[in-house]
């Protein structure tokens, strides 16, 4: 990296989409090139709107004359620079960090965990469905000194993408929701897709999953990760959380379960299978976190 410009600045916000600009004077803009666009095209507009700090792959012509108050950090790859910055920021924290992946339910489980945990501790979470190569580093940047627990989702659509997300999130607790048909065209099989997703948990201390999901259970047994496996089931009474009863009513579902030898129950205002499943997964994560 090489810096052009010597203006003093304080950076609080990272930006990759010019439409999301909020506080320009404290924003660092990463001009990222994608298949559909090039962030360098927005430098002029953002400078006019008050942004003074840019990470670029192409230094603008006559930058000192055109943008006299700006700082440009010239790098080989702006996306890699964004990811490295998020990695170093993540390294500053030794708190429970939950990394959530799977084909469906990532955002639901993240939001439900946030609702369950936030009355008791300061929780930082991915905004909306920020789970991509760009969204994950922007999410991890939100960690601050008040954060006690963090919830980040990670999504991939092809081989090799999860390694970068694992280095950024470095989850202490991994959650895999399920393996469905989404993005299947880029993988040879559901098992291969599952193995790729499980790369997120390379160094996780605990991995939470449903033992009744045959693909996930098979991949975890075959590719035994370092972390402790924590699972739930409606069939196997020996799992960490055994669901003894699921009773669906007109608009609610009553769930009974056993955890650490004790029986408990709760009701949810949903009756669809996905919500039941996601609720039980979120419950097991919360129990593991001491709720």
Protein backbone atom coordinates (compact mmCIF):
# COMPACT_ATOMS: atom_id res chain seq x y z
CA UNK A 1 0.00 0.00 0.00
CA UNK A 2 1.14 3.56 -0.69
CA UNK A 3 -0.41 6.74 0.64
CA UNK A 4 -0.99 9.82 -1.49
CA UNK A 5 -2.05 12.90 0.46
CA UNK A 6 -1.07 13.94 3.97
CA UNK A 7 -4.27 15.34 5.43
CA UNK A 8 -5.11 14.41 9.03
CA UNK A 9 -8.22 12.28 9.48
CA UNK A 10 -10.14 10.08 11.88
CA UNK A 11 -11.83 6.98 10.42
CA UNK A 12 -14.95 5.59 12.05
CA UNK A 13 -16.93 4.28 9.06
CA UNK A 14 -16.09 2.01 6.13
CA UNK A 15 -18.02 2.47 2.89
CA UNK A 16 -18.28 0.42 -0.30
CA UNK A 17 -21.67 1.67 -1.55
CA UNK A 18 -21.99 5.43 -2.16
CA UNK A 19 -25.73 5.25 -1.43
CA UNK A 20 -25.02 4.35 2.22
CA UNK A 21 -22.97 7.44 3.06
CA UNK A 22 -23.83 8.95 6.45
CA UNK A 23 -20.91 10.84 8.04
CA UNK A 24 -18.54 11.72 5.17
CA UNK A 25 -15.73 13.34 7.15
CA UNK A 26 -15.10 10.11 9.14
CA UNK A 27 -15.63 7.70 6.23
CA UNK A 28 -13.07 5.59 4.38
CA UNK A 29 -14.34 4.59 0.92
CA UNK A 30 -13.12 1.38 -0.71
CA UNK A 31 -13.39 1.62 -4.50
CA UNK A 32 -14.15 -2.03 -5.23
CA UNK A 33 -14.37 -3.49 -8.73
CA UNK A 34 -17.06 -6.15 -9.19
CA UNK A 35 -18.63 -7.94 -12.16
CA UNK A 36 -21.37 -5.30 -12.27
CA UNK A 37 -19.63 -2.08 -11.31
CA UNK A 38 -16.51 -0.12 -10.40
CA UNK A 39 -16.38 1.94 -7.21
CA UNK A 40 -13.76 4.27 -8.72
CA UNK A 41 -16.59 5.88 -10.73
CA UNK A 42 -18.04 7.33 -7.49
CA UNK A 43 -14.91 9.06 -6.15
CA UNK A 44 -15.84 12.42 -7.70
CA UNK A 45 -19.39 12.37 -6.33
CA UNK A 46 -18.24 11.27 -2.86
CA UNK A 47 -15.55 13.96 -2.73
CA UNK A 48 -18.20 16.58 -3.52
CA UNK A 49 -20.31 15.13 -0.68
CA UNK A 50 -17.47 15.49 1.81
CA UNK A 51 -15.59 12.16 1.77
CA UNK A 52 -11.83 12.74 1.99
CA UNK A 53 -10.35 9.25 2.37
CA UNK A 54 -10.25 6.61 -0.36
CA UNK A 55 -8.71 3.17 -0.90
CA UNK A 56 -8.10 2.68 -4.63
CA UNK A 57 -6.57 0.35 -7.20
CA UNK A 58 -6.32 3.17 -9.75
CA UNK A 59 -5.07 6.56 -8.59
CA UNK A 60 -7.15 9.36 -10.20
CA UNK A 61 -5.36 11.52 -12.78
CA UNK A 62 -4.13 14.85 -11.40
CA UNK A 63 -5.42 13.76 -7.97
CA UNK A 64 -3.59 16.53 -6.11
CA UNK A 65 -5.17 19.27 -8.24
CA UNK A 66 -8.65 17.74 -8.53
CA UNK A 67 -8.90 16.44 -4.92
CA UNK A 68 -6.49 18.65 -2.91
CA UNK A 69 -7.95 17.72 0.51
CA UNK A 70 -8.11 13.97 -0.11
CA UNK A 71 -6.00 11.01 1.03
CA UNK A 72 -5.65 8.05 -1.32
CA UNK A 73 -4.37 4.67 -0.18
CA UNK A 74 -3.19 2.86 -3.31
CA UNK A 75 -3.42 -0.96 -3.06
CA UNK A 76 -3.30 -3.88 -5.48
CA UNK A 77 -6.78 -5.10 -4.54
CA UNK A 78 -9.32 -2.99 -2.65
CA UNK A 79 -11.49 -5.96 -1.62
CA UNK A 80 -8.46 -7.75 -0.15
CA UNK A 81 -7.50 -4.53 1.66
CA UNK A 82 -10.99 -4.28 3.17
CA UNK A 83 -10.83 -7.92 4.28
CA UNK A 84 -7.35 -7.54 5.83
CA UNK A 85 -8.46 -4.46 7.75
CA UNK A 86 -11.45 -6.38 9.15
CA UNK A 87 -9.18 -9.31 10.10
CA UNK A 88 -6.87 -7.07 12.11
CA UNK A 89 -9.87 -5.42 13.79
CA UNK A 90 -11.29 -8.84 14.72
CA UNK A 91 -7.95 -9.80 16.29
CA UNK A 92 -8.51 -7.12 18.96
CA UNK A 93 -11.43 -9.02 20.54
CA UNK A 94 -11.53 -12.12 22.74
CA UNK A 95 -15.29 -12.50 23.22
CA UNK A 96 -17.85 -15.13 22.13
CA UNK A 97 -18.31 -14.68 18.37
CA UNK A 98 -21.02 -16.73 16.69
CA UNK A 99 -20.52 -17.51 12.99
CA UNK A 100 -23.68 -18.69 11.23
CA UNK A 101 -23.76 -20.43 7.86
CA UNK A 102 -26.04 -22.80 5.93
CA UNK A 103 -28.36 -22.67 2.95
CA UNK A 104 -31.41 -21.15 4.68
CA UNK A 105 -32.23 -19.50 7.98
CA UNK A 106 -28.96 -17.63 8.58
CA UNK A 107 -30.53 -14.20 8.96
CA UNK A 108 -33.52 -15.52 10.95
CA UNK A 109 -31.31 -17.34 13.46
CA UNK A 110 -29.01 -14.30 13.74
CA UNK A 111 -31.95 -11.95 14.40
CA UNK A 112 -33.60 -14.33 16.87
CA UNK A 113 -30.32 -14.82 18.73
CA UNK A 114 -29.99 -11.04 18.86
CA UNK A 115 -33.48 -10.72 20.38
CA UNK A 116 -32.78 -13.49 22.91
CA UNK A 117 -29.32 -12.26 23.96
CA UNK A 118 -29.57 -8.47 23.80
CA UNK A 119 -31.56 -8.01 27.05
CA UNK A 120 -28.59 -9.51 28.92
CA UNK A 121 -25.48 -8.33 27.07
CA UNK A 122 -24.25 -5.89 24.41
CA UNK A 123 -24.54 -7.72 21.09
CA UNK A 124 -23.08 -6.66 17.73
CA UNK A 125 -24.58 -8.33 14.66
CA UNK A 126 -24.40 -8.33 10.88
CA UNK A 127 -26.76 -5.72 9.40
CA UNK A 128 -29.58 -7.23 7.35
CA UNK A 129 -28.08 -10.09 5.30
CA UNK A 130 -24.49 -8.84 5.16
CA UNK A 131 -22.89 -12.26 4.60
CA UNK A 132 -20.80 -11.83 1.42
CA UNK A 133 -17.12 -11.18 0.72
CA UNK A 134 -17.88 -7.46 1.14
CA UNK A 135 -20.69 -7.70 3.71
CA UNK A 136 -18.75 -9.78 6.25
CA UNK A 137 -15.82 -7.36 6.70
CA UNK A 138 -18.25 -4.43 6.95
CA UNK A 139 -20.11 -6.37 9.68
CA UNK A 140 -16.98 -7.28 11.65
CA UNK A 141 -15.84 -3.63 11.56
CA UNK A 142 -18.86 -2.85 13.78
CA UNK A 143 -17.23 -4.61 16.76
CA UNK A 144 -16.40 -2.04 19.43
CA UNK A 145 -15.14 -1.93 23.02
CA UNK A 146 -18.68 -2.35 24.39
CA UNK A 147 -19.40 -5.56 22.42
CA UNK A 148 -19.80 -8.61 24.68
CA UNK A 149 -21.07 -11.09 22.07
CA UNK A 150 -21.17 -10.90 18.27
CA UNK A 151 -23.34 -12.61 15.65
CA UNK A 152 -22.11 -12.79 12.06
CA UNK A 153 -23.51 -14.70 9.09
CA UNK A 154 -21.42 -16.06 6.25
CA UNK A 155 -22.76 -17.02 2.82
CA UNK A 156 -20.90 -18.54 -0.12
CA UNK A 157 -21.90 -19.38 -3.68
CA UNK A 158 -18.79 -21.21 -4.86
CA UNK A 159 -15.66 -23.10 -3.78
CA UNK A 160 -12.88 -21.24 -2.03
CA UNK A 161 -14.94 -18.32 -0.74
CA UNK A 162 -15.28 -19.47 2.88
CA UNK A 163 -11.56 -19.35 3.71
CA UNK A 164 -11.54 -15.53 3.52
CA UNK A 165 -14.71 -15.26 5.63
CA UNK A 166 -13.28 -17.62 8.26
CA UNK A 167 -10.18 -15.44 8.66
CA UNK A 168 -12.37 -12.35 9.12
CA UNK A 169 -15.02 -13.77 11.50
CA UNK A 170 -12.85 -16.31 13.38
CA UNK A 171 -15.96 -17.65 15.16
CA UNK A 172 -15.63 -19.19 18.60
CA UNK A 173 -19.08 -20.78 18.15
CA UNK A 174 -20.15 -22.10 14.76
CA UNK A 175 -23.78 -22.64 13.76
CA UNK A 176 -24.83 -24.50 10.62
CA UNK A 177 -28.51 -24.18 9.81
CA UNK A 178 -29.04 -26.73 7.02
CA UNK A 179 -27.91 -27.63 3.52
CA UNK A 180 -30.46 -26.93 0.77
CA UNK A 181 -30.43 -26.43 -3.01
CA UNK A 182 -29.32 -22.75 -3.06
CA UNK A 183 -26.20 -22.14 -5.24
CA UNK A 184 -25.99 -25.88 -5.88
CA UNK A 185 -24.93 -25.30 -9.52
CA UNK A 186 -21.43 -24.28 -8.36
CA UNK A 187 -20.84 -27.44 -6.33
CA UNK A 188 -20.52 -31.07 -7.39
CA UNK A 189 -22.77 -32.32 -4.60
CA UNK A 190 -24.61 -31.26 -1.45
CA UNK A 191 -21.81 -32.90 0.55
CA UNK A 192 -19.17 -30.77 -1.18
CA UNK A 193 -21.18 -27.62 -0.49
CA UNK A 194 -21.55 -28.66 3.15
CA UNK A 195 -17.80 -29.27 3.50
CA UNK A 196 -17.09 -25.82 2.04
CA UNK A 197 -19.48 -24.17 4.51
CA UNK A 198 -17.95 -26.07 7.43
CA UNK A 199 -14.59 -24.41 6.65
CA UNK A 200 -15.98 -21.44 8.59
CA UNK A 201 -15.56 -23.52 11.78
CA UNK A 202 -11.89 -24.44 11.25
CA UNK A 203 -10.84 -23.05 14.65
CA UNK A 204 -14.24 -22.73 16.37
CA UNK A 205 -14.39 -24.06 19.93
CA UNK A 206 -18.00 -25.26 19.53
CA UNK A 207 -20.14 -26.26 16.55
CA UNK A 208 -23.94 -26.26 16.91
CA UNK A 209 -26.05 -28.30 14.48
CA UNK A 210 -29.07 -30.56 14.08
CA UNK A 211 -28.03 -34.21 14.30
CA UNK A 212 -31.12 -35.18 12.26
CA UNK A 213 -29.70 -33.36 9.21
CA UNK A 214 -28.05 -36.33 7.51
CA UNK A 215 -25.73 -34.35 5.22
CA UNK A 216 -24.44 -32.07 7.98
CA UNK A 217 -24.01 -34.92 10.47
CA UNK A 218 -22.20 -37.07 7.87
CA UNK A 219 -19.81 -34.25 6.89
CA UNK A 220 -19.01 -33.42 10.52
CA UNK A 221 -18.28 -37.06 11.34
CA UNK A 222 -16.11 -37.53 8.23
CA UNK A 223 -14.25 -34.21 8.56
CA UNK A 224 -14.03 -34.10 12.34
CA UNK A 225 -13.22 -30.48 13.24
CA UNK A 226 -11.20 -29.45 16.30
CA UNK A 227 -14.16 -27.97 18.17
CA UNK A 228 -16.72 -29.59 20.44
CA UNK A 229 -19.84 -30.80 18.60
CA UNK A 230 -23.07 -29.61 20.22
CA UNK A 231 -26.21 -31.01 18.61
CA UNK A 232 -29.95 -31.41 18.99
CA UNK A 233 -32.35 -34.06 17.75
CA UNK A 234 -35.97 -35.13 17.79
CA UNK A 235 -34.92 -38.77 17.31
CA UNK A 236 -31.83 -39.35 19.44
CA UNK A 237 -32.26 -39.02 23.20
CA UNK A 238 -28.47 -38.97 23.68
CA UNK A 239 -27.89 -35.61 21.95
CA UNK A 240 -26.98 -32.49 23.95
CA UNK A 241 -30.51 -31.15 23.51
CA UNK A 242 -33.21 -33.75 22.96
CA UNK A 243 -36.55 -32.47 21.68
CA UNK A 244 -39.10 -34.74 23.31
CA UNK A 245 -42.24 -33.13 21.88
CA UNK A 246 -43.30 -30.72 19.14
CA UNK A 247 -47.02 -29.94 19.31
CA UNK A 248 -48.46 -27.68 16.61
CA UNK A 249 -51.61 -25.69 17.35
CA UNK A 250 -53.54 -23.32 15.05
CA UNK A 251 -51.03 -20.46 15.26
CA UNK A 252 -48.47 -21.60 17.85
CA UNK A 253 -46.11 -24.50 18.46
CA UNK A 254 -45.29 -25.98 21.88
CA UNK A 255 -41.79 -27.45 22.18
CA UNK A 256 -40.53 -29.63 25.03
CA UNK A 257 -36.85 -30.48 25.38
CA UNK A 258 -34.26 -31.98 27.72
CA UNK A 259 -30.90 -30.29 28.31
CA UNK A 260 -28.31 -31.27 30.94
CA UNK A 261 -30.78 -33.78 32.37
CA UNK A 262 -33.50 -31.17 32.96
CA UNK A 263 -36.82 -30.85 31.12
CA UNK A 264 -37.99 -27.47 29.81
CA UNK A 265 -40.60 -26.14 27.39
CA UNK A 266 -41.53 -23.02 25.43
CA UNK A 267 -44.04 -21.87 22.83
CA UNK A 268 -43.44 -19.93 19.61
CA UNK A 269 -45.96 -17.99 17.46
CA UNK A 270 -45.11 -20.02 14.33
CA UNK A 271 -46.15 -23.42 13.04
CA UNK A 272 -43.88 -23.90 9.99
CA UNK A 273 -41.10 -26.49 10.19
CA UNK A 274 -38.32 -24.03 9.36
CA UNK A 275 -39.24 -21.74 12.26
CA UNK A 276 -39.42 -24.68 14.65
CA UNK A 277 -36.00 -25.86 13.53
CA UNK A 278 -34.41 -22.40 13.68
CA UNK A 279 -35.87 -21.79 17.15
CA UNK A 280 -34.40 -25.00 18.55
CA UNK A 281 -30.97 -24.17 17.07
CA UNK A 282 -31.12 -20.67 18.59
CA UNK A 283 -32.19 -22.18 21.93
CA UNK A 284 -29.17 -24.49 22.01
CA UNK A 285 -26.79 -21.59 21.25
CA UNK A 286 -28.32 -19.51 24.08
CA UNK A 287 -28.13 -22.39 26.55
CA UNK A 288 -24.49 -22.89 25.61
CA UNK A 289 -23.86 -19.16 26.21
CA UNK A 290 -25.29 -19.51 29.72
CA UNK A 291 -28.79 -18.08 29.33
